[in-house]
Structures are given as structure tokens and as C-alpha cells.
Amino acid sequence: MKIVVDRMKCIGAAPCVVIAARTFQLDAEGKAEVIDVDRKQQTVEESSGVVTVHNDAREIVIEAARSCPTNAISLFEDDGTRIV
């Protein structure tokens, strides 16, 4: 699964962090970003781009993306098919 976080849409409400805390965190600006599998903080460019994630269970990541009040999180299958 690939995740795209649109930082322009993100308001930092953080339901994604509450639901999928091993996949999402808030950065210094209070915007959602993806945590990589080694739990390293990513740069703004990486966080805004496409990231392959294996931290939380697939269903949890999907629930987290759907919980975003501004639809700032998009999910895609590896073949590019949009999930959320």
C-alpha cells in the first residue's frame, strides 16, 4: 500500500495518529506525516509524496485515512488503484 499525505489539506486534527500511531505522527508544524518502518522522521518532501508502509495493519491504515476530516490522506494499491 502507498500513502500520500496532502500537507496543504492537513489541519492537524490527528485522528490518523490516534488510529494508526505506528504509521502516522504529527510533525513540528502539526501536520500529519508518515513514519517509515524504521520509525525515522521523514522530510516534508517524503511525507508529502508516495510512501510504502508496513507499520500498522492494512485495515487500520484504511480506517485512519477515512477518519481524516479534510481527506488529506490518500491510499493506493501497489498497482496504483485508489483505495481511499
N, C-alpha and C. Protein backbone atom coordinates (compact mmCIF):
# COMPACT_ATOMS: atom_id res chain seq x y z
N MET A 1 0.84 -1.17 0.00
CA MET A 1 0.00 0.00 0.00
C MET A 1 0.89 1.24 0.00
N LYS A 2 0.44 2.25 -0.72
CA LYS A 2 1.16 3.52 -0.75
C LYS A 2 0.26 4.61 -0.17
N ILE A 3 0.90 5.54 0.54
CA ILE A 3 0.18 6.62 1.20
C ILE A 3 0.65 7.96 0.66
N VAL A 4 -0.31 8.85 0.42
CA VAL A 4 0.01 10.22 0.04
C VAL A 4 -0.68 11.14 1.04
N VAL A 5 0.10 11.99 1.70
CA VAL A 5 -0.45 12.98 2.63
C VAL A 5 -0.36 14.35 1.96
N ASP A 6 -1.51 14.98 1.77
CA ASP A 6 -1.56 16.32 1.19
C ASP A 6 -1.43 17.32 2.34
N ARG A 7 -0.24 17.84 2.51
CA ARG A 7 0.04 18.74 3.63
C ARG A 7 -0.74 20.05 3.54
N MET A 8 -1.14 20.44 2.36
CA MET A 8 -1.94 21.66 2.21
C MET A 8 -3.34 21.46 2.78
N LYS A 9 -3.86 20.25 2.72
CA LYS A 9 -5.19 19.95 3.24
C LYS A 9 -5.18 19.63 4.73
N CYS A 10 -4.06 19.12 5.23
CA CYS A 10 -3.99 18.66 6.61
C CYS A 10 -4.15 19.83 7.58
N ILE A 11 -5.05 19.64 8.57
CA ILE A 11 -5.26 20.67 9.60
C ILE A 11 -4.75 20.21 10.97
N GLY A 12 -4.14 19.04 11.01
CA GLY A 12 -3.58 18.55 12.26
C GLY A 12 -4.60 18.06 13.27
N ALA A 13 -5.77 17.67 12.81
CA ALA A 13 -6.80 17.16 13.73
C ALA A 13 -6.35 15.86 14.40
N ALA A 14 -5.54 15.09 13.73
CA ALA A 14 -4.83 13.92 14.25
C ALA A 14 -5.64 12.65 14.50
N PRO A 15 -6.82 12.45 13.90
CA PRO A 15 -7.44 11.14 14.09
C PRO A 15 -6.58 10.02 13.48
N CYS A 16 -5.84 10.35 12.45
CA CYS A 16 -4.96 9.35 11.84
C CYS A 16 -3.90 8.87 12.83
N VAL A 17 -3.38 9.79 13.63
CA VAL A 17 -2.36 9.45 14.62
C VAL A 17 -2.96 8.59 15.73
N VAL A 18 -4.17 8.92 16.15
CA VAL A 18 -4.83 8.16 17.20
C VAL A 18 -5.13 6.74 16.73
N ILE A 19 -5.59 6.60 15.50
CA ILE A 19 -5.99 5.29 14.98
C ILE A 19 -4.79 4.46 14.55
N ALA A 20 -3.83 5.06 13.88
CA ALA A 20 -2.68 4.33 13.33
C ALA A 20 -1.38 4.97 13.79
N ALA A 21 -1.12 4.88 15.08
CA ALA A 21 0.03 5.56 15.69
C ALA A 21 1.38 5.01 15.25
N ARG A 22 1.41 3.83 14.66
CA ARG A 22 2.68 3.30 14.16
C ARG A 22 2.92 3.69 12.71
N THR A 23 1.94 4.37 12.09
CA THR A 23 2.07 4.79 10.70
C THR A 23 2.12 6.30 10.57
N PHE A 24 1.35 7.02 11.38
CA PHE A 24 1.27 8.48 11.28
C PHE A 24 1.75 9.15 12.56
N GLN A 25 2.31 10.34 12.38
CA GLN A 25 2.65 11.21 13.50
C GLN A 25 2.47 12.64 13.02
N LEU A 26 2.43 13.57 13.97
CA LEU A 26 2.39 14.98 13.60
C LEU A 26 3.81 15.51 13.63
N ASP A 27 4.14 16.33 12.64
CA ASP A 27 5.48 16.91 12.57
C ASP A 27 5.52 18.19 13.40
N ALA A 28 6.61 18.90 13.32
CA ALA A 28 6.81 20.12 14.10
C ALA A 28 5.79 21.21 13.76
N GLU A 29 5.22 21.15 12.56
CA GLU A 29 4.21 22.12 12.14
C GLU A 29 2.80 21.65 12.47
N GLY A 30 2.68 20.50 13.12
CA GLY A 30 1.36 19.97 13.46
C GLY A 30 0.64 19.32 12.30
N LYS A 31 1.37 18.94 11.28
CA LYS A 31 0.81 18.29 10.09
C LYS A 31 1.10 16.79 10.14
N ALA A 32 0.19 15.99 9.60
CA ALA A 32 0.39 14.55 9.57
C ALA A 32 1.54 14.20 8.63
N GLU A 33 2.31 13.21 9.06
CA GLU A 33 3.35 12.66 8.20
C GLU A 33 3.42 11.16 8.44
N VAL A 34 4.00 10.46 7.49
CA VAL A 34 4.12 9.02 7.58
C VAL A 34 5.43 8.66 8.27
N ILE A 35 5.35 7.71 9.19
CA ILE A 35 6.54 7.19 9.86
C ILE A 35 7.04 6.02 9.04
N ASP A 36 8.31 6.00 8.71
CA ASP A 36 8.82 4.86 7.95
C ASP A 36 8.99 3.64 8.85
N VAL A 37 9.26 2.49 8.27
CA VAL A 37 9.29 1.24 9.04
C VAL A 37 10.37 1.23 10.10
N ASP A 38 11.38 2.08 9.98
CA ASP A 38 12.43 2.17 10.98
C ASP A 38 12.12 3.24 12.02
N ARG A 39 10.89 3.82 11.96
CA ARG A 39 10.43 4.87 12.88
C ARG A 39 11.31 6.12 12.81
N LYS A 40 11.85 6.40 11.65
CA LYS A 40 12.62 7.62 11.44
C LYS A 40 11.66 8.70 10.94
N GLN A 41 11.90 9.92 11.34
CA GLN A 41 11.08 11.02 10.85
C GLN A 41 11.46 11.29 9.39
N GLN A 42 10.44 11.53 8.57
CA GLN A 42 10.69 11.81 7.16
C GLN A 42 10.71 13.30 6.90
N THR A 43 11.32 13.68 5.79
CA THR A 43 11.32 15.09 5.41
C THR A 43 9.94 15.48 4.90
N VAL A 44 9.68 16.75 4.77
CA VAL A 44 8.41 17.23 4.25
C VAL A 44 8.17 16.66 2.86
N GLU A 45 9.19 16.61 2.03
CA GLU A 45 9.03 16.11 0.68
C GLU A 45 8.65 14.63 0.69
N GLU A 46 9.26 13.85 1.54
CA GLU A 46 8.94 12.43 1.63
C GLU A 46 7.53 12.23 2.18
N SER A 47 7.19 13.01 3.19
CA SER A 47 5.88 12.87 3.82
C SER A 47 4.76 13.25 2.85
N SER A 48 5.02 14.19 1.97
CA SER A 48 4.01 14.61 1.02
C SER A 48 3.93 13.69 -0.19
N GLY A 49 4.93 12.86 -0.35
CA GLY A 49 4.98 12.00 -1.52
C GLY A 49 4.41 10.63 -1.26
N VAL A 50 4.77 9.70 -2.12
CA VAL A 50 4.27 8.34 -2.04
C VAL A 50 5.22 7.52 -1.18
N VAL A 51 4.67 6.86 -0.19
CA VAL A 51 5.48 6.10 0.76
C VAL A 51 4.87 4.71 0.91
N THR A 52 5.70 3.69 0.85
CA THR A 52 5.22 2.34 1.11
C THR A 52 5.26 2.10 2.61
N VAL A 53 4.16 1.59 3.14
CA VAL A 53 4.04 1.47 4.59
C VAL A 53 3.69 0.05 4.99
N HIS A 54 4.34 -0.42 6.06
CA HIS A 54 4.06 -1.74 6.60
C HIS A 54 3.96 -1.68 8.13
N ASN A 55 3.73 -0.52 8.70
CA ASN A 55 3.76 -0.36 10.16
C ASN A 55 2.51 -0.88 10.85
N ASP A 56 1.35 -0.39 10.47
CA ASP A 56 0.08 -0.83 11.05
C ASP A 56 -0.59 -1.79 10.08
N ALA A 57 -1.54 -2.55 10.58
CA ALA A 57 -2.32 -3.44 9.73
C ALA A 57 -3.04 -2.61 8.66
N ARG A 58 -3.21 -3.20 7.51
CA ARG A 58 -3.85 -2.55 6.37
C ARG A 58 -5.20 -1.93 6.76
N GLU A 59 -6.02 -2.68 7.47
CA GLU A 59 -7.36 -2.20 7.83
C GLU A 59 -7.28 -0.96 8.73
N ILE A 60 -6.28 -0.92 9.59
CA ILE A 60 -6.11 0.22 10.49
C ILE A 60 -5.70 1.47 9.70
N VAL A 61 -4.80 1.31 8.74
CA VAL A 61 -4.36 2.44 7.92
C VAL A 61 -5.54 2.96 7.09
N ILE A 62 -6.34 2.06 6.56
CA ILE A 62 -7.52 2.48 5.78
C ILE A 62 -8.49 3.25 6.68
N GLU A 63 -8.74 2.74 7.86
CA GLU A 63 -9.63 3.44 8.81
C GLU A 63 -9.07 4.82 9.15
N ALA A 64 -7.76 4.91 9.36
CA ALA A 64 -7.13 6.19 9.68
C ALA A 64 -7.30 7.19 8.54
N ALA A 65 -7.11 6.74 7.31
CA ALA A 65 -7.26 7.63 6.15
C ALA A 65 -8.70 8.11 6.03
N ARG A 66 -9.63 7.21 6.24
CA ARG A 66 -11.06 7.57 6.16
C ARG A 66 -11.48 8.52 7.27
N SER A 67 -10.76 8.50 8.38
CA SER A 67 -11.11 9.36 9.52
C SER A 67 -10.69 10.81 9.33
N CYS A 68 -9.85 11.09 8.36
CA CYS A 68 -9.34 12.45 8.16
C CYS A 68 -10.48 13.39 7.78
N PRO A 69 -10.71 14.45 8.56
CA PRO A 69 -11.83 15.36 8.28
C PRO A 69 -11.66 16.19 7.01
N THR A 70 -10.45 16.29 6.50
CA THR A 70 -10.22 17.07 5.28
C THR A 70 -9.82 16.20 4.09
N ASN A 71 -9.87 14.89 4.27
CA ASN A 71 -9.48 13.95 3.20
C ASN A 71 -8.07 14.22 2.70
N ALA A 72 -7.17 14.51 3.63
CA ALA A 72 -5.79 14.82 3.26
C ALA A 72 -4.95 13.56 3.01
N ILE A 73 -5.47 12.39 3.35
CA ILE A 73 -4.72 11.15 3.20
C ILE A 73 -5.34 10.32 2.09
N SER A 74 -4.52 9.95 1.11
CA SER A 74 -4.96 9.07 0.04
C SER A 74 -4.16 7.78 0.12
N LEU A 75 -4.82 6.67 -0.16
CA LEU A 75 -4.18 5.36 -0.15
C LEU A 75 -4.32 4.71 -1.52
N PHE A 76 -3.26 4.02 -1.94
CA PHE A 76 -3.26 3.36 -3.23
C PHE A 76 -2.67 1.96 -3.11
N GLU A 77 -3.20 1.05 -3.91
CA GLU A 77 -2.58 -0.27 -4.03
C GLU A 77 -1.25 -0.09 -4.75
N ASP A 78 -0.41 -1.10 -4.69
CA ASP A 78 0.89 -1.03 -5.36
C ASP A 78 0.73 -0.84 -6.88
N ASP A 79 -0.39 -1.31 -7.44
CA ASP A 79 -0.62 -1.15 -8.89
C ASP A 79 -1.21 0.21 -9.25
N GLY A 80 -1.40 1.08 -8.24
CA GLY A 80 -1.91 2.43 -8.48
C GLY A 80 -3.39 2.60 -8.28
N THR A 81 -4.12 1.52 -8.04
CA THR A 81 -5.56 1.60 -7.80
C THR A 81 -5.81 2.33 -6.49
N ARG A 82 -6.70 3.31 -6.54
CA ARG A 82 -7.00 4.12 -5.34
C ARG A 82 -7.87 3.31 -4.38
N ILE A 83 -7.50 3.33 -3.10
CA ILE A 83 -8.27 2.69 -2.05
C ILE A 83 -9.15 3.73 -1.36
N VAL A 84 -8.53 4.83 -0.93
CA VAL A 84 -9.23 5.93 -0.25
C VAL A 84 -8.73 7.23 -0.88
